[in-house]
Amino acid sequence: MNSELKVYIFDDNRAATAELKNCIEGFLQKHGCYASFRCFEEPKQVEELLKSGRIGCDIFFMDIELGLDVNGIELADMVSRMEPEIKIVFVTGYADRYSQAIFMQSPALRPFGYVTKPIDRAVVERILSLLIKGSEEAEEKRVEFSKNRRVVSINLREVMYIESWRRKLIFHMRDGAEEEVYAKISEITDRLPDGFSQCHRSYIANLKFVHSVDEKNGEVKMVNGRDLFLGKTKKDSFMEDFFRYKGGI
């Protein structure tokens, strides 16, 4: 995996932030990894980050109880809608109060972990172990095509959806870029990892970038605002994949 993790911590308690940061640094160093940190103490700092249009971290430790109008669950939901690949870990001293609220917030919010205060180092280290393992596996998920006498390698982590158009496949990337190759959609389906599902004869969606599904109108709504068609023959299998990916929410 990348030797440096980008870690964000949002907690209005500086002592709690320092303790968590120390725990993360100690574990990563033992495993040959390092972290760059960005810490936030006020909701408006996170809101300004969201307004910038780019978050850019690997994992976000989010305190829930802020004593203000907005809580960490709502902010985490905004983060997940903008960049679904970011791992959200909630940190709170009020586990009983918020455990249900977290999973009822929205389909876009899929917490990667949950840490109660005082900080349990074993739990934090387990979360980091899963993150490292997942990153190593994800780095290998690429597909290659020949194009104009060169090999095009596409990082599937960055693909929002794949479109079939006039004997071409168009890979629509998270950053708005597009990569076109001559191939049929049937030639790519078996090469895709779990997390991709065909919703229409012309579209395959990366489920981590699906915000919601409008079954009535036959639309798959992506986090970037784009709507994909939900075909009648693909509906049942896609919805099964979607709910399984979202953890049954």
Protein backbone atom coordinates (compact mmCIF):
# COMPACT_ATOMS: atom_id res chain seq x y z
CA MET A 1 0.00 0.00 0.00
CA ASN A 2 0.96 3.66 -0.08
CA SER A 3 3.57 4.09 2.68
CA GLU A 4 1.82 7.23 3.94
CA LEU A 5 -1.77 7.38 5.08
CA LYS A 6 -3.65 10.65 5.12
CA VAL A 7 -5.49 10.76 8.42
CA TYR A 8 -8.02 13.40 9.45
CA ILE A 9 -9.25 13.73 13.02
CA PHE A 10 -12.19 15.86 14.11
CA ASP A 11 -12.61 16.27 17.86
CA ASP A 12 -13.20 19.41 19.89
CA ASN A 13 -11.13 17.91 22.71
CA ARG A 14 -7.41 18.45 22.08
CA ALA A 15 -6.37 15.84 24.62
CA ALA A 16 -8.52 13.19 22.91
CA THR A 17 -7.07 14.15 19.52
CA ALA A 18 -3.51 13.88 20.84
CA GLU A 19 -4.20 10.47 22.37
CA LEU A 20 -5.73 9.12 19.17
CA LYS A 21 -2.94 10.56 17.02
CA ASN A 22 -0.30 8.98 19.24
CA CYS A 23 -2.04 5.61 19.01
CA ILE A 24 -2.24 5.76 15.21
CA GLU A 25 1.39 6.84 14.78
CA GLY A 26 2.67 4.11 17.06
CA PHE A 27 0.82 1.34 15.25
CA LEU A 28 1.69 2.49 11.73
CA GLN A 29 5.38 2.89 12.50
CA LYS A 30 5.53 -0.70 13.75
CA HIS A 31 4.16 -1.79 10.37
CA GLY A 32 6.44 0.31 8.20
CA CYS A 33 3.80 2.92 7.43
CA TYR A 34 3.52 6.58 8.25
CA ALA A 35 0.74 9.10 8.47
CA SER A 36 0.19 12.75 7.69
CA PHE A 37 -2.42 14.30 9.93
CA ARG A 38 -4.90 17.11 9.68
CA CYS A 39 -6.90 17.88 12.80
CA PHE A 40 -10.11 19.87 13.19
CA GLU A 41 -11.65 21.31 16.34
CA GLU A 42 -14.74 23.09 15.00
CA PRO A 43 -17.52 22.04 12.59
CA LYS A 44 -16.98 25.14 10.46
CA GLN A 45 -13.47 23.91 9.64
CA VAL A 46 -14.91 20.68 8.22
CA GLU A 47 -17.63 22.61 6.41
CA GLU A 48 -14.97 24.81 4.77
CA LEU A 49 -13.13 21.66 3.71
CA LEU A 50 -16.32 20.36 2.10
CA LYS A 51 -16.85 23.65 0.27
CA SER A 52 -13.38 23.33 -1.26
CA GLY A 53 -14.68 20.36 -3.26
CA ARG A 54 -11.84 18.04 -2.32
CA ILE A 55 -11.27 16.19 0.96
CA GLY A 56 -8.43 13.86 0.02
CA CYS A 57 -7.84 11.66 3.05
CA ASP A 58 -7.77 7.89 3.50
CA ILE A 59 -9.51 7.74 6.86
CA PHE A 60 -11.50 10.27 8.88
CA PHE A 61 -11.91 9.84 12.65
CA MET A 62 -15.04 11.79 13.52
CA ASP A 63 -16.23 12.76 16.98
CA ILE A 64 -20.03 12.73 17.28
CA GLU A 65 -20.96 14.79 20.32
CA LEU A 66 -20.10 18.43 19.61
CA GLY A 67 -22.66 20.26 21.72
CA LEU A 68 -23.76 22.29 18.69
CA ASP A 69 -26.57 22.30 16.13
CA VAL A 70 -24.63 19.95 13.84
CA ASN A 71 -23.15 16.65 14.99
CA GLY A 72 -20.41 14.41 13.65
CA ILE A 73 -22.87 12.01 12.03
CA GLU A 74 -24.24 14.74 9.78
CA LEU A 75 -20.76 15.94 8.84
CA ALA A 76 -19.65 12.37 8.11
CA ASP A 77 -22.66 11.94 5.85
CA MET A 78 -21.56 15.00 3.85
CA VAL A 79 -18.03 13.58 3.58
CA SER A 80 -19.32 10.21 2.38
CA ARG A 81 -21.55 11.79 -0.25
CA MET A 82 -18.61 13.74 -1.66
CA GLU A 83 -15.94 11.03 -1.47
CA PRO A 84 -17.44 7.60 -0.70
CA GLU A 85 -14.07 5.86 -0.63
CA ILE A 86 -13.01 7.70 2.55
CA LYS A 87 -13.21 5.44 5.58
CA ILE A 88 -15.29 7.00 8.35
CA VAL A 89 -14.58 5.99 11.95
CA PHE A 90 -16.82 7.43 14.65
CA VAL A 91 -15.37 8.29 18.03
CA THR A 92 -17.66 8.98 20.98
CA GLY A 93 -18.17 8.61 24.68
CA TYR A 94 -21.91 8.19 24.13
CA ALA A 95 -22.15 4.88 22.29
CA ASP A 96 -25.66 3.99 23.44
CA ARG A 97 -27.07 7.34 22.39
CA TYR A 98 -25.81 7.32 18.80
CA SER A 99 -25.38 3.71 17.65
CA GLN A 100 -28.79 3.56 15.94
CA ALA A 101 -28.66 7.12 14.58
CA ILE A 102 -25.46 6.36 12.66
CA PHE A 103 -27.04 3.60 10.61
CA MET A 104 -30.27 5.52 10.04
CA GLN A 105 -28.60 8.67 8.68
CA SER A 106 -28.48 7.77 4.96
CA PRO A 107 -27.51 4.95 2.57
CA ALA A 108 -24.37 6.91 1.63
CA LEU A 109 -22.97 6.67 5.15
CA ARG A 110 -21.24 3.34 5.74
CA PRO A 111 -19.00 3.59 8.84
CA PHE A 112 -15.72 1.72 8.68
CA GLY A 113 -15.37 1.57 12.44
CA TYR A 114 -16.60 2.73 15.81
CA VAL A 115 -14.37 3.69 18.75
CA THR A 116 -15.66 4.52 22.21
CA LYS A 117 -13.98 6.85 24.68
CA PRO A 118 -11.71 6.45 26.53
CA ILE A 119 -9.76 5.31 23.47
CA ASP A 120 -9.25 1.56 23.24
CA ARG A 121 -5.91 1.06 21.47
CA ALA A 122 -6.76 -2.51 20.48
CA VAL A 123 -9.86 -1.33 18.62
CA VAL A 124 -8.00 1.47 16.83
CA GLU A 125 -5.23 -0.93 15.81
CA ARG A 126 -7.76 -3.44 14.48
CA ILE A 127 -9.37 -0.72 12.36
CA LEU A 128 -5.99 0.33 10.98
CA SER A 129 -5.10 -3.29 10.20
CA LEU A 130 -8.28 -3.65 8.14
CA LEU A 131 -7.54 -0.37 6.36
CA ILE A 132 -4.02 -1.47 5.42
CA LYS A 133 -5.22 -4.86 4.22
CA GLY A 134 -8.00 -3.31 2.15
CA SER A 135 -5.64 -0.77 0.59
CA GLU A 136 -3.19 -3.48 -0.44
CA GLU A 137 -5.96 -5.49 -2.10
CA ALA A 138 -7.47 -2.43 -3.80
CA GLU A 139 -4.17 -1.38 -5.36
CA GLU A 140 -4.19 -4.56 -7.45
CA LYS A 141 -7.62 -3.92 -8.96
CA ARG A 142 -6.76 -2.63 -12.41
CA VAL A 143 -7.77 -3.59 -15.94
CA GLU A 144 -5.63 -3.19 -19.03
CA PHE A 145 -6.50 -2.65 -22.69
CA SER A 146 -4.51 -2.16 -25.87
CA LYS A 147 -5.11 1.22 -27.45
CA ASN A 148 -3.19 2.83 -30.31
CA ARG A 149 -0.25 0.46 -29.84
CA ARG A 150 0.01 1.17 -26.14
CA VAL A 151 -1.35 -0.42 -22.99
CA VAL A 152 -3.96 1.53 -21.07
CA SER A 153 -4.14 0.61 -17.37
CA ILE A 154 -7.28 1.72 -15.56
CA ASN A 155 -7.46 1.96 -11.78
CA LEU A 156 -10.88 0.56 -10.90
CA ARG A 157 -10.89 2.35 -7.55
CA GLU A 158 -11.31 5.61 -9.46
CA VAL A 159 -14.03 4.43 -11.86
CA MET A 160 -17.52 5.73 -11.04
CA TYR A 161 -19.30 3.88 -13.82
CA ILE A 162 -18.69 2.24 -17.18
CA GLU A 163 -20.73 3.10 -20.25
CA SER A 164 -21.08 1.08 -23.44
CA TRP A 165 -21.42 3.28 -26.53
CA ARG A 166 -20.98 2.35 -30.20
CA ARG A 167 -18.57 -0.55 -29.76
CA LYS A 168 -16.66 1.37 -27.12
CA LEU A 169 -16.43 1.25 -23.36
CA ILE A 170 -16.18 4.62 -21.66
CA PHE A 171 -14.73 4.57 -18.15
CA HIS A 172 -16.06 7.59 -16.27
CA MET A 173 -13.58 8.46 -13.55
CA ARG A 174 -14.17 10.06 -10.17
CA ASP A 175 -12.25 13.20 -11.15
CA GLY A 176 -14.42 13.73 -14.24
CA ALA A 177 -11.93 12.27 -16.73
CA GLU A 178 -12.96 9.65 -19.30
CA GLU A 179 -11.03 6.78 -20.83
CA GLU A 180 -12.35 5.17 -24.03
CA VAL A 181 -11.38 1.73 -25.33
CA TYR A 182 -12.75 -0.51 -28.05
CA ALA A 183 -14.47 -3.38 -26.24
CA LYS A 184 -17.88 -4.83 -25.49
CA ILE A 185 -19.52 -4.64 -22.09
CA SER A 186 -19.63 -8.45 -22.00
CA GLU A 187 -15.83 -8.48 -22.20
CA ILE A 188 -15.40 -6.50 -18.99
CA THR A 189 -18.02 -7.93 -16.62
CA ASP A 190 -15.98 -10.99 -15.63
CA ARG A 191 -12.89 -8.86 -15.04
CA LEU A 192 -14.50 -6.57 -12.48
CA PRO A 193 -14.19 -7.13 -8.71
CA ASP A 194 -17.04 -7.18 -6.23
CA GLY A 195 -18.56 -3.74 -5.87
CA PHE A 196 -19.41 -3.31 -9.55
CA SER A 197 -22.88 -4.21 -10.82
CA GLN A 198 -24.58 -3.89 -14.20
CA CYS A 199 -27.76 -1.81 -13.92
CA HIS A 200 -28.56 -1.58 -17.64
CA ARG A 201 -27.37 -3.17 -20.86
CA SER A 202 -25.22 -0.05 -21.38
CA TYR A 203 -24.10 0.74 -17.82
CA ILE A 204 -22.08 -0.81 -15.01
CA ALA A 205 -22.00 1.14 -11.74
CA ASN A 206 -19.34 1.20 -9.06
CA LEU A 207 -21.58 0.72 -6.02
CA LYS A 208 -19.46 2.82 -3.71
CA PHE A 209 -20.38 5.84 -5.86
CA VAL A 210 -24.12 5.10 -5.92
CA HIS A 211 -26.02 7.56 -3.77
CA SER A 212 -29.48 6.02 -4.11
CA VAL A 213 -31.78 4.10 -6.45
CA ASP A 214 -35.15 5.32 -7.72
CA GLU A 215 -36.83 2.04 -8.63
CA LYS A 216 -40.09 3.70 -9.64
CA ASN A 217 -38.46 5.87 -12.30
CA GLY A 218 -35.75 3.38 -13.19
CA GLU A 219 -32.78 5.53 -12.17
CA VAL A 220 -29.50 4.88 -10.39
CA LYS A 221 -28.39 8.14 -8.82
CA MET A 222 -24.63 8.63 -8.56
CA VAL A 223 -22.92 10.83 -5.99
CA ASN A 224 -21.81 13.28 -8.71
CA GLY A 225 -25.43 13.96 -9.68
CA ARG A 226 -25.45 11.75 -12.78
CA ASP A 227 -28.42 9.40 -13.25
CA LEU A 228 -27.91 6.01 -14.91
CA PHE A 229 -30.69 3.90 -16.40
CA LEU A 230 -31.96 0.96 -14.36
CA GLY A 231 -33.06 -1.66 -16.88
CA LYS A 232 -35.96 -4.00 -16.22
CA THR A 233 -33.91 -7.13 -16.94
CA LYS A 234 -31.06 -5.97 -14.67
CA LYS A 235 -33.15 -4.50 -11.87
CA ASP A 236 -33.43 -7.52 -9.56
CA SER A 237 -29.77 -8.52 -9.70
CA PHE A 238 -28.62 -4.91 -9.35
CA MET A 239 -30.83 -4.24 -6.33
CA GLU A 240 -29.58 -7.42 -4.70
CA ASP A 241 -25.98 -6.31 -5.24
CA PHE A 242 -26.79 -2.78 -4.05
CA PHE A 243 -28.40 -3.83 -0.77
CA ARG A 244 -25.72 -6.40 -0.06
CA TYR A 245 -23.02 -3.77 -0.64
CA LYS A 246 -24.81 -1.26 1.59
CA GLY A 247 -25.02 -3.81 4.35
CA GLY A 248 -28.74 -4.34 4.12
CA ILE A 249 -29.61 -0.71 4.82
